Amino acid sequence: MEILHSTAINKIKQNRTRLEKLLNVKISFSGKNISVEGSTIDEYITSNVIEALNLGFTTEQALLVRE
């Protein structure tokens, strides 16, 4: 499990189901912290996607990090 801090909580909450499905992780929230559960590589990729969302990229753009 990895715990991340995010400034894009609303964007992540709106796309939670999609992110969980595409990134193969379980996402939960506690304030501005996000818990990510999955395999190590999936958690790493998810942390990169969340970082891109924090930087202002759209969800579609942030998901390009996977490729």
C-alpha atoms as a PDB file:
ATOM      1  CA  MET A   1       0.000   0.000   0.000  1.00  0.00           C
ATOM      2  CA  GLU A   2       1.234   3.429  -0.903  1.00  0.00           C
ATOM      3  CA  ILE A   3      -0.056   6.691   0.579  1.00  0.00           C
ATOM      4  CA  LEU A   4       0.132   9.765  -1.641  1.00  0.00           C
ATOM      5  CA  HIS A   5      -0.733  13.434  -1.145  1.00  0.00           C
ATOM      6  CA  SER A   6      -2.726  15.106  -3.889  1.00  0.00           C
ATOM      7  CA  THR A   7      -3.993  18.550  -4.772  1.00  0.00           C
ATOM      8  CA  ALA A   8      -6.267  17.041  -7.450  1.00  0.00           C
ATOM      9  CA  ILE A   9      -8.566  15.105  -5.100  1.00  0.00           C
ATOM     10  CA  ASN A  10     -11.781  16.123  -6.892  1.00  0.00           C
ATOM     11  CA  LYS A  11     -10.437  15.084 -10.299  1.00  0.00           C
ATOM     12  CA  ILE A  12      -9.328  11.740  -8.888  1.00  0.00           C
ATOM     13  CA  LYS A  13     -12.654  11.153  -7.105  1.00  0.00           C
ATOM     14  CA  GLN A  14     -14.577  11.892 -10.314  1.00  0.00           C
ATOM     15  CA  ASN A  15     -12.478   9.354 -12.234  1.00  0.00           C
ATOM     16  CA  ARG A  16     -11.896   6.835  -9.434  1.00  0.00           C
ATOM     17  CA  THR A  17     -13.645   3.859 -11.056  1.00  0.00           C
ATOM     18  CA  ARG A  18     -11.911   4.432 -14.373  1.00  0.00           C
ATOM     19  CA  LEU A  19      -8.498   4.862 -12.743  1.00  0.00           C
ATOM     20  CA  GLU A  20      -8.936   1.732 -10.624  1.00  0.00           C
ATOM     21  CA  LYS A  21      -9.911  -0.328 -13.655  1.00  0.00           C
ATOM     22  CA  LEU A  22      -7.186   0.943 -15.989  1.00  0.00           C
ATOM     23  CA  LEU A  23      -4.408   0.982 -13.383  1.00  0.00           C
ATOM     24  CA  ASN A  24      -5.423  -2.270 -11.660  1.00  0.00           C
ATOM     25  CA  VAL A  25      -5.406  -0.741  -8.155  1.00  0.00           C
ATOM     26  CA  LYS A  26      -7.810   0.050  -5.323  1.00  0.00           C
ATOM     27  CA  ILE A  27      -7.981   3.760  -4.432  1.00  0.00           C
ATOM     28  CA  SER A  28      -9.293   5.150  -1.131  1.00  0.00           C
ATOM     29  CA  PHE A  29      -9.299   8.663   0.304  1.00  0.00           C
ATOM     30  CA  SER A  30      -8.537  10.247   3.672  1.00  0.00           C
ATOM     31  CA  GLY A  31      -8.533  14.037   3.485  1.00  0.00           C
ATOM     32  CA  LYS A  32      -5.977  15.040   0.857  1.00  0.00           C
ATOM     33  CA  ASN A  33      -4.226  11.691   1.151  1.00  0.00           C
ATOM     34  CA  ILE A  34      -4.839   8.841  -1.238  1.00  0.00           C
ATOM     35  CA  SER A  35      -4.207   5.190  -0.414  1.00  0.00           C
ATOM     36  CA  VAL A  36      -3.330   2.986  -3.355  1.00  0.00           C
ATOM     37  CA  GLU A  37      -3.369  -0.806  -3.085  1.00  0.00           C
ATOM     38  CA  GLY A  38      -2.108  -3.104  -5.810  1.00  0.00           C
ATOM     39  CA  SER A  39       1.067  -4.697  -7.059  1.00  0.00           C
ATOM     40  CA  THR A  40       4.268  -2.726  -6.628  1.00  0.00           C
ATOM     41  CA  ILE A  41       4.506  -1.783 -10.294  1.00  0.00           C
ATOM     42  CA  ASP A  42       0.824  -0.789 -10.451  1.00  0.00           C
ATOM     43  CA  GLU A  43       1.256   1.413  -7.371  1.00  0.00           C
ATOM     44  CA  TYR A  44       4.315   3.032  -8.955  1.00  0.00           C
ATOM     45  CA  ILE A  45       2.486   3.763 -12.210  1.00  0.00           C
ATOM     46  CA  THR A  46      -0.504   5.106 -10.265  1.00  0.00           C
ATOM     47  CA  SER A  47       1.753   7.439  -8.281  1.00  0.00           C
ATOM     48  CA  ASN A  48       3.107   8.825 -11.581  1.00  0.00           C
ATOM     49  CA  VAL A  49      -0.431   9.302 -12.933  1.00  0.00           C
ATOM     50  CA  ILE A  50      -1.479  11.108  -9.739  1.00  0.00           C
ATOM     51  CA  GLU A  51       1.614  13.319  -9.936  1.00  0.00           C
ATOM     52  CA  ALA A  52       0.644  14.268 -13.504  1.00  0.00           C
ATOM     53  CA  LEU A  53      -2.885  15.096 -12.283  1.00  0.00           C
ATOM     54  CA  ASN A  54      -1.366  17.254  -9.524  1.00  0.00           C
ATOM     55  CA  LEU A  55       0.586  19.145 -12.182  1.00  0.00           C
ATOM     56  CA  GLY A  56      -2.660  20.016 -13.987  1.00  0.00           C
ATOM     57  CA  PHE A  57      -2.792  17.436 -16.753  1.00  0.00           C
ATOM     58  CA  THR A  58      -6.178  16.024 -17.738  1.00  0.00           C
ATOM     59  CA  THR A  59      -7.003  12.456 -16.783  1.00  0.00           C
ATOM     60  CA  GLU A  60      -6.513  11.303 -20.377  1.00  0.00           C
ATOM     61  CA  GLN A  61      -3.114  12.981 -20.569  1.00  0.00           C
ATOM     62  CA  ALA A  62      -2.058  11.635 -17.160  1.00  0.00           C
ATOM     63  CA  LEU A  63      -2.977   8.084 -18.174  1.00  0.00           C
ATOM     64  CA  LEU A  64      -0.468   8.289 -21.032  1.00  0.00           C
ATOM     65  CA  VAL A  65       2.211   7.788 -18.360  1.00  0.00           C
ATOM     66  CA  ARG A  66       1.296   4.080 -18.450  1.00  0.00           C
ATOM     67  CA  GLU A  67       2.639   3.704 -21.995  1.00  0.00           C
END
